[in-house]
Amino acid sequence: MKKYLSLTIAFLLVFLCSCKGNEPPVHKTADMLSITNEEKSFLGCKSRLDAVISAMSSKISTLENAHNAVIKAENSENFFLDENYILTSFEPFVNSSLSITEGFTEDMTNEKAQDFYKLHSEGLDIIYNGADENHELMFVSESLVKTYTAEYDKKSDSLRYTFSVEENGTEAVEEFLEFIRVGNSTYIIQSQSERCYIEFDEKGGIICFCCAKLGSGEFSIDESVYPETQADTDSFWVLSEGKPSYSGIHTFENGILTHEDCSSGPWKTIKINADDYASAFYGQ
């Protein structure tokens, strides 16, 4: 009997150990980080930036749409008058000129750029320089210079993009975007009008984030965090300008999405428990 019990226990131990090595795959939902491009290049890093923004945007839009659907169901005619109905949509880090970097590949040359960017240049002379995953594209005339610069740092897996215009001797940065990996699965993003801090767990689920958009003023390129920052980059960094400077703030922490918005008047604060709408992510 003892021998039988010992064999049974041994079998169960082997079975349990084997199960640990064959855990079912994680079901990826749209609000989870899904990186498919590991290429160590500017465009590869841009793909990872897109994946981070996509996961955060899905988390926010799915929860807010589900929240609004409940309000609509309760009052189908005047739901938009409900103080808890969210009227604004979340569209972070919109950059109208960033698409120009699609041609910044390792085989791009000044000769190839003449044809590739002919339509973009609007008749201006085209000058392209690229080396070590840093790219510079210029459209030039006697009085006008448009410069598009893309930088990639392999050590930190981070990027910076800038678009500047020099007209009659005066130069100004029109747009910039920075994406910095500050931990294994922790990232910060900065543009002229927005900042974001976001953490993911080892499976790609969002642990927390804070994303805010300025209502007035702008962040300066002099406040750059590329390629590596020594500053404490967390939600306090995101909101360092003080709440009155912002028009919208989205925070996710401890399973609660907090929507704060003053784009149409006084500050509106709405809290959404993600657990209440967990099923919404599986219908996508």
Protein backbone atom coordinates (compact mmCIF):
# COMPACT_ATOMS: atom_id res chain seq x y z
CA MET A 1 0.00 0.00 0.00
CA LYS A 2 2.83 2.35 0.95
CA LYS A 3 4.60 1.52 -2.29
CA TYR A 4 1.40 2.30 -4.25
CA LEU A 5 0.97 5.66 -2.49
CA SER A 6 4.60 6.58 -3.14
CA LEU A 7 4.22 5.81 -6.85
CA THR A 8 1.00 7.83 -7.01
CA ILE A 9 2.59 10.86 -5.34
CA ALA A 10 5.64 10.62 -7.61
CA PHE A 11 3.38 10.51 -10.67
CA LEU A 12 1.44 13.56 -9.48
CA LEU A 13 4.64 15.52 -8.88
CA VAL A 14 5.93 14.72 -12.36
CA PHE A 15 2.56 15.68 -13.85
CA LEU A 16 2.44 18.99 -12.01
CA CYS A 17 6.00 19.86 -12.98
CA SER A 18 5.28 19.09 -16.62
CA CYS A 19 2.20 21.31 -16.52
CA LYS A 20 4.27 24.29 -15.41
CA GLY A 21 6.29 24.08 -18.59
CA ASN A 22 3.18 23.89 -20.75
CA GLU A 23 1.10 26.78 -19.49
CA PRO A 24 -1.59 27.90 -21.93
CA PRO A 25 -0.58 30.92 -24.03
CA VAL A 26 -1.72 34.35 -22.88
CA HIS A 27 -4.70 35.63 -24.84
CA LYS A 28 -3.55 39.00 -26.17
CA THR A 29 -6.18 41.70 -26.16
CA ALA A 30 -5.86 45.04 -27.95
CA ASP A 31 -4.92 46.85 -24.74
CA MET A 32 -1.83 44.67 -24.26
CA LEU A 33 1.61 45.49 -25.60
CA SER A 34 2.35 43.47 -28.73
CA ILE A 35 5.78 44.20 -30.19
CA THR A 36 6.34 42.49 -33.54
CA ASN A 37 9.38 44.43 -34.77
CA GLU A 38 12.64 44.00 -32.83
CA GLU A 39 14.82 45.68 -35.46
CA LYS A 40 17.43 47.98 -33.90
CA SER A 41 16.76 50.97 -36.12
CA PHE A 42 14.78 54.20 -36.11
CA LEU A 43 11.87 52.65 -38.00
CA GLY A 44 11.98 49.53 -35.82
CA CYS A 45 11.83 51.70 -32.70
CA LYS A 46 9.02 53.74 -34.25
CA SER A 47 7.09 50.48 -34.64
CA ARG A 48 7.54 49.82 -30.92
CA LEU A 49 6.36 53.36 -30.17
CA ASP A 50 3.24 52.70 -32.23
CA ALA A 51 2.64 49.47 -30.27
CA VAL A 52 2.87 51.29 -26.92
CA ILE A 53 0.50 54.05 -28.03
CA SER A 54 -1.90 51.51 -29.53
CA ALA A 55 -2.15 49.53 -26.27
CA MET A 56 -2.80 52.65 -24.21
CA SER A 57 -5.30 54.06 -26.70
CA SER A 58 -7.19 50.77 -26.76
CA LYS A 59 -7.35 50.66 -22.95
CA ILE A 60 -8.76 54.18 -22.79
CA SER A 61 -11.13 54.09 -25.76
CA THR A 62 -12.55 50.66 -24.88
CA LEU A 63 -13.25 51.59 -21.26
CA GLU A 64 -14.67 55.00 -22.14
CA ASN A 65 -16.88 53.62 -24.92
CA ALA A 66 -18.21 50.90 -22.60
CA HIS A 67 -18.82 53.50 -19.90
CA ASN A 68 -20.70 55.72 -22.38
CA ALA A 69 -22.74 52.76 -23.65
CA VAL A 70 -24.20 52.24 -20.18
CA ILE A 71 -25.26 55.89 -20.02
CA LYS A 72 -26.79 55.69 -23.51
CA ALA A 73 -28.75 52.59 -22.55
CA GLU A 74 -30.23 54.40 -19.54
CA ASN A 75 -31.09 57.58 -21.45
CA SER A 76 -31.10 57.07 -25.20
CA GLU A 77 -32.37 60.55 -26.06
CA ASN A 78 -30.41 62.91 -23.82
CA PHE A 79 -27.37 60.84 -22.87
CA PHE A 80 -24.99 63.60 -24.03
CA LEU A 81 -26.38 65.88 -21.29
CA ASP A 82 -25.35 63.46 -18.56
CA GLU A 83 -22.42 64.95 -16.62
CA ASN A 84 -20.69 61.55 -16.65
CA TYR A 85 -20.90 61.14 -20.41
CA ILE A 86 -17.47 61.53 -22.03
CA LEU A 87 -17.61 63.80 -25.06
CA THR A 88 -13.94 63.93 -26.03
CA SER A 89 -12.03 61.25 -27.92
CA PHE A 90 -8.48 60.15 -27.09
CA GLU A 91 -6.04 60.76 -29.94
CA PRO A 92 -2.53 61.06 -28.49
CA PHE A 93 0.69 62.21 -30.13
CA VAL A 94 -0.72 63.21 -33.49
CA ASN A 95 2.21 64.43 -35.58
CA SER A 96 1.41 65.60 -39.09
CA SER A 97 4.97 65.39 -40.46
CA LEU A 98 6.25 62.15 -38.90
CA SER A 99 5.16 60.05 -41.90
CA ILE A 100 8.05 61.54 -43.87
CA THR A 101 10.39 59.20 -41.97
CA GLU A 102 8.95 56.14 -43.76
CA GLY A 103 11.78 56.48 -46.27
CA PHE A 104 14.51 56.54 -43.62
CA THR A 105 15.78 53.03 -44.30
CA GLU A 106 19.38 51.81 -44.20
CA ASP A 107 19.65 51.84 -47.98
CA MET A 108 18.32 55.38 -48.49
CA THR A 109 20.85 57.65 -50.23
CA ASN A 110 20.85 61.23 -51.43
CA GLU A 111 20.40 59.95 -54.98
CA LYS A 112 17.39 57.81 -54.07
CA ALA A 113 15.90 60.63 -52.01
CA GLN A 114 15.62 62.84 -55.11
CA ASP A 115 12.88 60.57 -56.50
CA PHE A 116 11.43 59.31 -53.22
CA TYR A 117 10.75 62.80 -51.82
CA LYS A 118 10.08 64.67 -55.05
CA LEU A 119 6.38 65.20 -54.32
CA HIS A 120 7.00 66.09 -50.67
CA SER A 121 9.58 68.75 -51.50
CA GLU A 122 7.12 70.98 -53.41
CA GLY A 123 9.86 72.05 -55.80
CA LEU A 124 12.56 72.74 -53.21
CA ASP A 125 16.01 71.21 -53.51
CA ILE A 126 16.40 67.87 -51.70
CA ILE A 127 19.38 67.01 -49.53
CA TYR A 128 19.57 63.74 -47.58
CA ASN A 129 22.25 62.49 -45.20
CA GLY A 130 22.11 59.25 -43.23
CA ALA A 131 24.59 57.37 -41.08
CA ASP A 132 24.44 55.00 -38.08
CA GLU A 133 20.62 55.13 -37.96
CA ASN A 134 20.60 58.93 -37.81
CA HIS A 135 18.84 60.58 -40.73
CA GLU A 136 18.56 64.18 -41.94
CA LEU A 137 16.37 65.32 -44.80
CA MET A 138 16.28 68.93 -45.97
CA PHE A 139 14.12 70.79 -48.47
CA VAL A 140 16.02 73.93 -49.41
CA SER A 141 15.53 77.22 -51.23
CA GLU A 142 17.24 80.62 -50.90
CA SER A 143 14.87 81.79 -48.14
CA LEU A 144 13.45 78.55 -46.74
CA VAL A 145 14.92 75.38 -45.22
CA LYS A 146 12.75 72.55 -43.91
CA THR A 147 14.72 70.00 -41.89
CA TYR A 148 13.51 66.57 -40.78
CA THR A 149 15.83 64.78 -38.36
CA ALA A 150 15.43 61.23 -37.05
CA GLU A 151 17.77 59.84 -34.39
CA TYR A 152 18.00 56.37 -32.89
CA ASP A 153 20.04 55.25 -29.89
CA LYS A 154 20.65 51.51 -29.91
CA LYS A 155 21.87 51.32 -26.30
CA SER A 156 18.65 52.71 -24.82
CA ASP A 157 16.41 51.67 -27.74
CA SER A 158 15.08 55.21 -27.96
CA LEU A 159 14.27 57.68 -30.72
CA ARG A 160 13.88 61.38 -31.33
CA TYR A 161 12.26 63.07 -34.32
CA THR A 162 12.34 66.80 -35.03
CA PHE A 163 10.91 68.99 -37.77
CA SER A 164 12.25 72.52 -37.96
CA VAL A 165 11.78 75.42 -40.36
CA GLU A 166 14.28 78.18 -41.07
CA GLU A 167 12.79 81.13 -42.92
CA ASN A 168 14.72 84.29 -43.72
CA GLY A 169 17.38 83.37 -41.19
CA THR A 170 15.02 82.55 -38.31
CA GLU A 171 14.73 78.89 -37.28
CA ALA A 172 12.01 77.29 -35.16
CA VAL A 173 11.20 73.70 -34.14
CA GLU A 174 7.71 73.01 -35.46
CA GLU A 175 7.33 69.44 -34.16
CA PHE A 176 9.30 66.95 -32.12
CA LEU A 177 8.67 63.51 -30.67
CA GLU A 178 10.72 61.43 -28.24
CA PHE A 179 10.27 57.81 -27.17
CA ILE A 180 12.52 56.51 -24.41
CA ARG A 181 12.69 53.06 -22.82
CA VAL A 182 13.49 53.72 -19.16
CA GLY A 183 13.05 50.12 -17.96
CA ASN A 184 12.46 46.61 -19.29
CA SER A 185 8.80 47.38 -19.95
CA THR A 186 8.57 51.05 -18.96
CA TYR A 187 8.46 53.91 -21.45
CA ILE A 188 8.11 57.67 -21.64
CA ILE A 189 6.91 59.71 -24.60
CA GLN A 190 7.19 63.45 -25.12
CA SER A 191 6.10 65.89 -27.81
CA GLN A 192 5.57 69.64 -27.85
CA SER A 193 2.11 69.29 -26.35
CA GLU A 194 1.98 65.90 -24.61
CA ARG A 195 3.81 63.67 -22.16
CA CYS A 196 3.24 60.07 -21.17
CA TYR A 197 4.65 57.57 -18.68
CA ILE A 198 3.57 53.93 -18.99
CA GLU A 199 4.47 50.58 -17.41
CA PHE A 200 3.65 47.07 -18.65
CA ASP A 201 3.93 43.72 -16.88
CA GLU A 202 5.92 40.80 -18.28
CA LYS A 203 2.91 39.56 -20.27
CA GLY A 204 2.20 42.92 -21.88
CA GLY A 205 -0.65 44.03 -19.64
CA ILE A 206 -0.73 47.67 -18.59
CA ILE A 207 0.23 48.23 -14.95
CA CYS A 208 -0.19 52.01 -14.94
CA PHE A 209 0.12 55.11 -17.07
CA CYS A 210 -0.30 58.86 -16.98
CA CYS A 211 -0.81 60.76 -20.23
CA ALA A 212 -1.49 64.49 -20.37
CA LYS A 213 -2.00 67.16 -23.03
CA LEU A 214 -1.23 70.84 -22.55
CA GLY A 215 -4.03 73.32 -22.99
CA SER A 216 -1.65 76.20 -23.63
CA GLY A 217 2.08 76.66 -24.01
CA GLU A 218 4.38 73.84 -25.08
CA PHE A 219 7.26 71.67 -23.98
CA SER A 220 10.58 72.84 -25.38
CA ILE A 221 13.13 70.72 -27.20
CA ASP A 222 15.50 72.06 -24.52
CA GLU A 223 13.62 69.75 -22.11
CA SER A 224 14.65 66.75 -24.17
CA VAL A 225 14.89 63.37 -22.42
CA TYR A 226 16.64 61.65 -25.36
CA PRO A 227 18.47 59.30 -25.43
CA GLU A 228 18.63 58.60 -21.68
CA THR A 229 17.26 60.68 -18.87
CA GLN A 230 18.57 60.95 -15.34
CA ALA A 231 15.40 62.69 -14.14
CA ASP A 232 12.60 60.91 -12.30
CA THR A 233 10.22 60.25 -15.17
CA ASP A 234 6.89 59.21 -13.74
CA SER A 235 3.43 60.73 -13.42
CA PHE A 236 4.91 63.71 -11.58
CA TRP A 237 7.17 64.38 -14.57
CA VAL A 238 4.16 64.15 -16.89
CA LEU A 239 2.25 66.73 -14.84
CA SER A 240 5.21 68.93 -13.93
CA GLU A 241 3.64 72.05 -15.47
CA GLY A 242 0.80 72.01 -12.93
CA LYS A 243 -2.77 70.96 -13.59
CA PRO A 244 -4.05 74.39 -14.77
CA SER A 245 -1.70 74.12 -17.78
CA TYR A 246 -3.41 70.99 -19.12
CA SER A 247 -6.63 70.42 -21.04
CA GLY A 248 -6.79 66.65 -20.59
CA ILE A 249 -5.27 64.01 -18.31
CA HIS A 250 -5.71 60.24 -18.43
CA THR A 251 -4.40 58.13 -15.55
CA PHE A 252 -4.61 54.38 -15.05
CA GLU A 253 -3.63 52.91 -11.69
CA ASN A 254 -4.81 50.01 -9.55
CA GLY A 255 -7.32 49.03 -12.23
CA ILE A 256 -8.99 52.46 -12.29
CA LEU A 257 -9.02 54.74 -15.33
CA THR A 258 -9.35 58.39 -14.35
CA HIS A 259 -10.51 60.76 -17.09
CA GLU A 260 -9.93 64.46 -16.42
CA ASP A 261 -10.88 67.04 -19.00
CA CYS A 262 -11.46 70.79 -19.14
CA SER A 263 -11.54 71.32 -22.91
CA SER A 264 -15.17 72.45 -22.82
CA GLY A 265 -15.28 74.28 -19.48
CA PRO A 266 -14.63 73.38 -15.83
CA TRP A 267 -12.65 70.26 -14.99
CA LYS A 268 -14.63 67.05 -15.36
CA THR A 269 -13.36 63.97 -13.49
CA ILE A 270 -14.70 60.50 -14.22
CA LYS A 271 -13.40 57.25 -12.75
CA ILE A 272 -13.94 53.93 -14.51
CA ASN A 273 -13.26 50.54 -12.92
CA ALA A 274 -11.66 48.34 -15.57
CA ASP A 275 -13.02 45.17 -13.95
CA ASP A 276 -16.57 46.36 -14.65
CA TYR A 277 -15.91 46.22 -18.39
CA ALA A 278 -13.33 43.43 -18.68
CA SER A 279 -15.44 41.53 -21.24
CA ALA A 280 -15.34 44.51 -23.63
CA PHE A 281 -11.72 43.77 -24.52
CA TYR A 282 -12.50 40.25 -25.71
CA GLY A 283 -15.06 41.37 -28.25
CA GLN A 284 -12.50 43.28 -30.32
